[in-house]
């Protein structure tokens, strides 16, 4: 089979690799779609992760069709459309330093257990949408970390894939009012399309003043705090932290799911005085298939997140496009 691997710092190649065979506890999946993540671009720049520098398989956002099922596997049949949990692979995380990646024609799911290592999705869900399952689990965990209630007023910073996924998830959970902030008008249009109640273009609007207008004034020992209950950082720039903390009322929460590559200064007097909660969000400890039902129910909204698709024959171009700032939002490779 053909597989895309990292062959050195900044280098990838499509190579011939042995087609895996399913053992009695395994399932063999023919890949139909695999998303490209920012972490893939990091792995490429670094030349791969130990111990596979120079020969690391790529791809951890898989969707495909089951073509072989081991004799001991239950609840999975040939022909099922499935999404896969890359974290559950016993030999190492799929596409994250493990021996297998999903940017390949076939993927072996070892010790296959439905609801743990893979899940079935209905046939009518497009594979490029199903491949969003893994990153949308990241968005769902971020939501769970800030524990929103129906009456909460939430602002999501960043209308990229995670921010849009969080927006859909928040509205699916019945959150009253969700505002999305970004600097790109096209992304804000997508936010409205997937259900945001309002958007703010921070390139030309004062975010704090707009939040005051949308959510009213919040209680605080300091003036000019917004009534927003939850701030979710899916952008990863220092200005987001500064803005959120400048607007935050007493008791507000700030969730951080974006990657910050540099340290960010925080006014701890503000955190203390307003009794703010700052919580991080990493991965998806339990959410990998919790989000699947929402993707199935709202797949047309989730489809909005995918900005570009490339065939596997053009995987090099897909990786290049994903690594070009501003060129794409979410790239999915199809097979």
Protein backbone atom coordinates (compact mmCIF):
# COMPACT_ATOMS: atom_id res chain seq x y z
CA UNK A 1 0.00 0.00 0.00
CA UNK A 2 0.99 3.65 -0.31
CA UNK A 3 1.59 5.67 2.85
CA UNK A 4 2.68 9.24 3.55
CA UNK A 5 5.59 9.48 5.99
CA UNK A 6 7.95 12.10 7.35
CA UNK A 7 11.38 11.39 5.91
CA UNK A 8 13.35 14.28 7.40
CA UNK A 9 13.01 17.84 8.71
CA UNK A 10 10.57 19.55 6.38
CA UNK A 11 10.32 16.51 4.13
CA UNK A 12 7.59 13.96 3.38
CA UNK A 13 7.25 11.20 0.83
CA UNK A 14 4.67 8.67 -0.27
CA UNK A 15 6.25 5.26 0.05
CA UNK A 16 5.27 1.65 -0.54
CA UNK A 17 4.56 -0.16 2.72
CA UNK A 18 3.23 -3.65 3.48
CA UNK A 19 -0.55 -3.85 3.51
CA UNK A 20 -1.49 -4.92 7.05
CA UNK A 21 -3.52 -8.06 7.70
CA UNK A 22 -6.23 -8.31 10.35
CA UNK A 23 -5.63 -10.76 13.18
CA UNK A 24 -8.48 -12.31 15.16
CA UNK A 25 -8.90 -9.20 17.34
CA UNK A 26 -8.36 -6.60 14.60
CA UNK A 27 -10.22 -4.68 11.92
CA UNK A 28 -8.73 -3.54 8.61
CA UNK A 29 -10.03 -0.22 7.35
CA UNK A 30 -9.72 1.08 3.80
CA UNK A 31 -9.13 4.80 4.22
CA UNK A 32 -11.56 7.21 2.59
CA UNK A 33 -10.62 10.49 4.30
CA UNK A 34 -8.06 11.86 6.73
CA UNK A 35 -7.80 15.42 8.00
CA UNK A 36 -4.56 17.35 8.29
CA UNK A 37 -3.83 18.88 11.68
CA UNK A 38 -1.43 21.57 12.81
CA UNK A 39 0.44 18.90 14.76
CA UNK A 40 1.16 17.09 11.47
CA UNK A 41 2.93 20.22 10.28
CA UNK A 42 4.96 20.33 13.49
CA UNK A 43 5.99 16.70 13.05
CA UNK A 44 7.08 17.41 9.49
CA UNK A 45 9.13 20.44 10.54
CA UNK A 46 10.79 18.40 13.28
CA UNK A 47 11.54 15.45 11.02
CA UNK A 48 9.23 13.16 12.99
CA UNK A 49 8.95 12.07 16.61
CA UNK A 50 11.22 9.68 18.50
CA UNK A 51 11.87 6.87 17.88
CA UNK A 52 10.75 7.30 14.27
CA UNK A 53 12.60 10.43 13.15
CA UNK A 54 13.01 10.19 9.41
CA UNK A 55 10.38 7.48 8.99
CA UNK A 56 7.24 8.56 10.86
CA UNK A 57 3.80 7.75 9.44
CA UNK A 58 1.39 10.69 9.25
CA UNK A 59 -2.34 11.09 9.80
CA UNK A 60 -4.50 10.82 12.91
CA UNK A 61 -7.95 12.01 11.75
CA UNK A 62 -9.24 8.90 9.94
CA UNK A 63 -12.52 7.79 8.41
CA UNK A 64 -12.98 4.77 6.19
CA UNK A 65 -14.72 1.50 5.33
CA UNK A 66 -14.17 -1.81 7.09
CA UNK A 67 -12.89 -4.42 4.62
CA UNK A 68 -11.84 -7.22 6.99
CA UNK A 69 -12.94 -8.21 10.51
CA UNK A 70 -11.12 -10.60 12.83
CA UNK A 71 -13.00 -13.65 14.06
CA UNK A 72 -13.09 -12.43 17.68
CA UNK A 73 -14.38 -8.92 16.88
CA UNK A 74 -18.02 -8.17 17.62
CA UNK A 75 -20.39 -5.33 16.62
CA UNK A 76 -18.33 -4.47 13.53
CA UNK A 77 -19.00 -5.88 10.07
CA UNK A 78 -17.42 -5.62 6.64
CA UNK A 79 -18.78 -2.56 4.87
CA UNK A 80 -19.29 -0.46 8.00
CA UNK A 81 -18.27 3.19 7.71
CA UNK A 82 -16.14 4.00 10.73
CA UNK A 83 -14.13 6.66 12.52
CA UNK A 84 -11.09 5.64 14.55
CA UNK A 85 -9.64 6.66 17.91
CA UNK A 86 -5.92 7.20 17.24
CA UNK A 87 -5.16 7.22 20.98
CA UNK A 88 -6.42 3.66 21.51
CA UNK A 89 -3.84 1.91 19.29
CA UNK A 90 -1.90 -0.51 21.52
CA UNK A 91 1.31 -0.16 19.49
CA UNK A 92 1.46 3.64 19.74
CA UNK A 93 -0.71 6.61 18.81
CA UNK A 94 -1.77 6.51 15.17
CA UNK A 95 -0.02 9.26 13.20
CA UNK A 96 1.56 10.69 16.35
CA UNK A 97 4.78 8.73 16.60
CA UNK A 98 3.24 5.27 16.46
CA UNK A 99 4.04 2.65 13.82
CA UNK A 100 0.94 3.39 11.72
CA UNK A 101 -0.62 6.49 10.22
CA UNK A 102 -3.98 7.21 8.63
CA UNK A 103 -2.54 9.07 5.61
CA UNK A 104 -2.26 5.69 3.95
CA UNK A 105 -4.46 3.48 1.83
CA UNK A 106 -5.20 1.08 4.70
CA UNK A 107 -5.21 1.28 8.49
CA UNK A 108 -5.12 -1.66 10.87
CA UNK A 109 -7.17 -1.13 14.02
CA UNK A 110 -5.69 -3.53 16.54
CA UNK A 111 -7.73 -4.92 19.45
CA UNK A 112 -10.79 -3.39 17.81
CA UNK A 113 -13.63 -2.62 20.19
CA UNK A 114 -16.60 -0.57 19.08
CA UNK A 115 -16.96 2.55 21.22
CA UNK A 116 -13.33 2.39 22.33
CA UNK A 117 -11.08 2.10 19.29
CA UNK A 118 -13.57 2.79 16.51
CA UNK A 119 -17.20 3.75 15.97
CA UNK A 120 -19.68 3.19 13.17
CA UNK A 121 -21.22 6.17 11.38
CA UNK A 122 -24.20 6.10 9.00
CA UNK A 123 -23.45 5.65 5.32
CA UNK A 124 -24.94 9.03 4.38
CA UNK A 125 -22.31 10.99 6.30
CA UNK A 126 -19.64 12.22 3.84
CA UNK A 127 -16.25 10.77 4.69
CA UNK A 128 -14.63 14.23 4.75
CA UNK A 129 -17.12 15.18 7.48
CA UNK A 130 -16.65 11.93 9.39
CA UNK A 131 -12.89 12.64 9.40
CA UNK A 132 -13.62 15.67 11.60
CA UNK A 133 -14.45 13.33 14.48
CA UNK A 134 -11.01 13.53 16.09
CA UNK A 135 -10.57 17.33 16.06
CA UNK A 136 -14.20 17.82 17.06
CA UNK A 137 -13.52 15.63 20.09
CA UNK A 138 -10.84 18.19 21.01
CA UNK A 139 -13.46 20.93 20.72
CA UNK A 140 -15.94 18.92 22.78
CA UNK A 141 -13.42 18.39 25.58
CA UNK A 142 -12.79 22.15 25.64
CA UNK A 143 -16.52 22.69 26.12
CA UNK A 144 -16.62 20.13 28.91
CA UNK A 145 -13.72 21.83 30.66
CA UNK A 146 -15.63 25.11 31.02
CA UNK A 147 -18.94 23.39 31.96
CA UNK A 148 -21.39 25.75 30.25
CA UNK A 149 -25.02 25.94 31.33
CA UNK A 150 -28.02 26.81 29.16
CA UNK A 151 -28.22 30.37 30.47
CA UNK A 152 -24.52 31.10 29.98
CA UNK A 153 -23.23 33.70 27.57
CA UNK A 154 -20.10 32.47 25.84
CA UNK A 155 -17.50 34.01 23.57
CA UNK A 156 -15.27 31.84 21.36
CA UNK A 157 -12.05 33.44 20.11
CA UNK A 158 -10.94 31.98 16.78
CA UNK A 159 -13.21 30.71 14.00
CA UNK A 160 -10.88 27.98 12.81
CA UNK A 161 -11.87 24.29 12.96
CA UNK A 162 -11.76 24.00 16.77
CA UNK A 163 -13.55 27.30 17.35
CA UNK A 164 -16.28 26.45 14.84
CA UNK A 165 -16.61 22.96 16.29
CA UNK A 166 -16.94 24.43 19.77
CA UNK A 167 -19.59 26.83 18.49
CA UNK A 168 -21.66 24.01 17.03
CA UNK A 169 -21.20 21.97 20.19
CA UNK A 170 -22.21 24.82 22.49
CA UNK A 171 -25.39 25.48 20.53
CA UNK A 172 -26.15 21.74 20.40
CA UNK A 173 -25.99 21.71 24.20
CA UNK A 174 -28.51 24.53 24.35
CA UNK A 175 -26.20 27.37 25.39
CA UNK A 176 -28.18 30.60 25.22
CA UNK A 177 -25.83 33.00 23.46
CA UNK A 178 -22.55 32.30 21.67
CA UNK A 179 -20.38 35.05 20.19
CA UNK A 180 -17.44 34.26 17.90
CA UNK A 181 -14.45 36.60 17.51
CA UNK A 182 -11.97 36.52 14.62
CA UNK A 183 -10.10 38.93 12.36
CA UNK A 184 -11.23 37.35 9.07
CA UNK A 185 -14.67 38.17 7.70
CA UNK A 186 -14.94 34.88 5.79
CA UNK A 187 -14.42 32.89 8.97
CA UNK A 188 -17.00 34.97 10.79
CA UNK A 189 -19.48 34.23 8.00
CA UNK A 190 -18.86 30.53 8.66
CA UNK A 191 -19.45 31.08 12.37
CA UNK A 192 -22.86 32.57 11.65
CA UNK A 193 -23.62 29.74 9.24
CA UNK A 194 -22.99 27.10 11.91
CA UNK A 195 -25.10 28.82 14.54
CA UNK A 196 -23.24 31.65 16.28
CA UNK A 197 -25.64 34.23 17.69
CA UNK A 198 -23.28 37.12 16.94
CA UNK A 199 -19.78 37.73 15.63
CA UNK A 200 -17.12 40.36 16.29
CA UNK A 201 -14.36 41.30 13.88
CA UNK A 202 -11.58 42.25 16.27
CA UNK A 203 -9.60 43.83 13.43
CA UNK A 204 -11.99 46.77 13.35
CA UNK A 205 -14.22 46.48 16.43
CA UNK A 206 -13.58 46.98 20.17
CA UNK A 207 -14.28 43.51 21.53
CA UNK A 208 -14.94 44.57 25.13
CA UNK A 209 -17.38 47.30 24.08
CA UNK A 210 -19.21 44.92 21.75
CA UNK A 211 -19.49 42.33 24.52
CA UNK A 212 -20.87 44.99 26.84
CA UNK A 213 -23.48 45.76 24.19
CA UNK A 214 -24.32 42.10 23.59
CA UNK A 215 -24.16 40.70 27.13
CA UNK A 216 -24.62 43.77 29.27
CA UNK A 217 -22.44 44.82 32.19
CA UNK A 218 -21.10 42.23 34.60
CA UNK A 219 -20.55 42.51 38.32
CA UNK A 220 -16.99 43.35 39.36
CA UNK A 221 -15.01 45.49 41.74
CA UNK A 222 -13.70 47.17 38.58
CA UNK A 223 -15.84 48.98 35.99
CA UNK A 224 -16.53 48.12 32.35
CA UNK A 225 -16.66 44.36 32.72
CA UNK A 226 -18.93 42.42 30.37
CA UNK A 227 -21.69 40.06 31.42
CA UNK A 228 -20.06 37.22 29.49
CA UNK A 229 -19.81 34.04 31.58
CA UNK A 230 -17.28 31.99 29.60
CA UNK A 231 -14.38 32.89 27.31
CA UNK A 232 -12.88 30.13 25.15
CA UNK A 233 -9.50 30.68 23.49
CA UNK A 234 -9.29 28.72 20.23
CA UNK A 235 -6.95 31.25 18.61
CA UNK A 236 -3.69 31.03 20.54
CA UNK A 237 -2.54 34.64 20.43
CA UNK A 238 -1.68 36.79 23.48
CA UNK A 239 -4.25 39.44 22.52
CA UNK A 240 -7.01 36.92 23.23
CA UNK A 241 -5.88 36.42 26.81
CA UNK A 242 -5.50 40.16 27.31
CA UNK A 243 -8.95 40.86 25.89
CA UNK A 244 -10.71 38.10 27.79
CA UNK A 245 -9.22 39.10 31.11
CA UNK A 246 -9.92 42.77 30.43
CA UNK A 247 -13.60 41.95 29.87
CA UNK A 248 -14.07 39.25 32.50
CA UNK A 249 -16.56 39.86 35.31
CA UNK A 250 -16.37 38.32 38.76
CA UNK A 251 -16.60 34.54 38.53
CA UNK A 252 -16.03 34.30 34.77
CA UNK A 253 -14.16 31.36 33.24
CA UNK A 254 -11.41 31.35 30.64
CA UNK A 255 -10.78 28.08 28.82
CA UNK A 256 -7.63 27.63 26.73
CA UNK A 257 -7.68 24.98 24.00
CA UNK A 258 -5.37 26.81 21.56
CA UNK A 259 -1.60 26.27 21.50
CA UNK A 260 0.38 29.27 22.75
CA UNK A 261 3.94 29.02 21.49
CA UNK A 262 5.23 31.78 23.75
CA UNK A 263 4.58 32.63 27.43
CA UNK A 264 1.72 35.05 28.07
CA UNK A 265 1.70 37.59 30.89
CA UNK A 266 -1.35 37.46 33.18
CA UNK A 267 -2.46 40.06 35.73
CA UNK A 268 -2.95 37.85 38.77
CA UNK A 269 -4.45 40.72 40.76
CA UNK A 270 -7.31 40.66 38.25
CA UNK A 271 -7.58 36.87 38.52
CA UNK A 272 -7.63 37.04 42.31
CA UNK A 273 -9.87 40.09 42.68
CA UNK A 274 -12.49 38.81 40.24
CA UNK A 275 -12.11 35.18 41.33
CA UNK A 276 -11.60 34.10 37.74
CA UNK A 277 -11.15 30.50 36.71
CA UNK A 278 -8.55 29.71 34.04
CA UNK A 279 -8.61 26.12 32.79
CA UNK A 280 -6.63 24.35 30.08
CA UNK A 281 -7.95 21.75 27.67
CA UNK A 282 -5.81 19.06 26.08
CA UNK A 283 -6.93 16.32 23.76
CA UNK A 284 -10.04 14.28 24.50
CA UNK A 285 -9.76 11.98 27.52
CA UNK A 286 -13.30 10.62 27.08
CA UNK A 287 -14.88 12.60 24.26
CA UNK A 288 -13.63 10.83 21.11
CA UNK A 289 -16.96 9.16 20.40
CA UNK A 290 -19.17 11.38 22.57
CA UNK A 291 -19.03 13.92 19.73
CA UNK A 292 -19.84 11.43 16.98
CA UNK A 293 -23.59 11.61 17.49
CA UNK A 294 -23.56 15.38 17.19
CA UNK A 295 -21.57 15.19 13.96
CA UNK A 296 -24.14 12.75 12.58
CA UNK A 297 -27.07 14.94 13.69
CA UNK A 298 -25.54 18.19 12.41
CA UNK A 299 -23.26 17.00 9.63
CA UNK A 300 -24.22 19.79 7.25
CA UNK A 301 -23.04 22.38 9.79
CA UNK A 302 -19.83 20.46 10.42
CA UNK A 303 -19.24 20.23 6.68
CA UNK A 304 -18.85 24.02 6.68
CA UNK A 305 -15.60 23.56 8.60
CA UNK A 306 -13.89 21.75 5.71
CA UNK A 307 -12.44 24.39 3.41
CA UNK A 308 -10.34 22.23 1.05
CA UNK A 309 -10.17 18.60 -0.03
CA UNK A 310 -7.30 16.97 -1.91
CA UNK A 311 -7.01 13.46 -3.30
CA UNK A 312 -4.36 11.23 -1.76
CA UNK A 313 -2.47 11.42 -5.06
CA UNK A 314 -2.00 15.12 -4.25
CA UNK A 315 -1.15 14.68 -0.56
CA UNK A 316 2.03 16.75 -0.96
CA UNK A 317 -0.01 19.67 -2.22
CA UNK A 318 -2.47 19.17 0.64
CA UNK A 319 0.29 19.38 3.22
CA UNK A 320 1.74 22.44 1.50
CA UNK A 321 -1.64 24.18 1.46
CA UNK A 322 -2.25 23.37 5.13
CA UNK A 323 1.13 24.83 6.05
CA UNK A 324 0.57 28.11 4.18
CA UNK A 325 -0.77 30.78 6.58
CA UNK A 326 -4.20 32.04 5.55
CA UNK A 327 -4.51 29.67 2.58
CA UNK A 328 -6.91 27.17 4.18
CA UNK A 329 -9.05 26.56 7.22
CA UNK A 330 -9.39 22.77 7.31
CA UNK A 331 -7.79 20.44 4.77
CA UNK A 332 -9.01 16.88 4.34
CA UNK A 333 -7.33 14.28 2.13
CA UNK A 334 -9.70 11.88 0.38
CA UNK A 335 -9.00 8.44 -1.06
